[in-house]
Amino acid sequence: MKTFSFRTIGMLVLGVVGAILIGWVIAGVFYEDVRGPIDSALNTIAEPERSALTTQSQPYNGQAVNVARVQMDQPGFLLARVEGTAVDRGPVIGISGYLEAGAHENVQVSLYEEEENRHGVQVGSILYITIVQDVNLDGVYDEGDFAAQVKDSEGHRVEAPIQLTE
């Protein structure tokens, strides 16, 4: 039977501990690259800006809805859509003006003027506000932009409901 000296066991332990520490350092470097820069003074990770919406219930005036806050990681537009299903929201019934990347507050989404294009929206209806990117960066909403609905990290559309009240 082979015996090991304390020196051999000590070297083995130091090697394993060293390998673990090196692994942590390498993983930390990759983690920083994926999550964003580390703020060493606070020891927190700065999250990159992500697209997000903040909405609230509001009176239905037949002309527009107001989005309290939107964070756009790319330039684009906000669309108002009728409720529909979670997989396939209903048709587009309104659109905002062009929005640059960044934070915006109190963004107005104008509803289509023609009543037939509003698909029965009335007091009590729920609209969904969806962010779309301006794919060709021309500052004009077109059908190609509709396909570029912004998704979150889990692959879901970035959208928020607005309940229309009296």
Foldseek 3Di string as FASTA:
>chain_A
DDDDDPVVVVVVVVVVVVVVVVVVVVVVVVVCVVAHHADVVVRHTDGDFDWAFAAEAEADPPWKGWTAKIAAQAKFKKFKFFQCDQVDTHDTFWIFFIDGHGMDGGTITTGDNDPVSNVPDDQFTKIKIWTWHPVVPPRDDDPVRVVRTDADPVGGGRIDIYHHHD
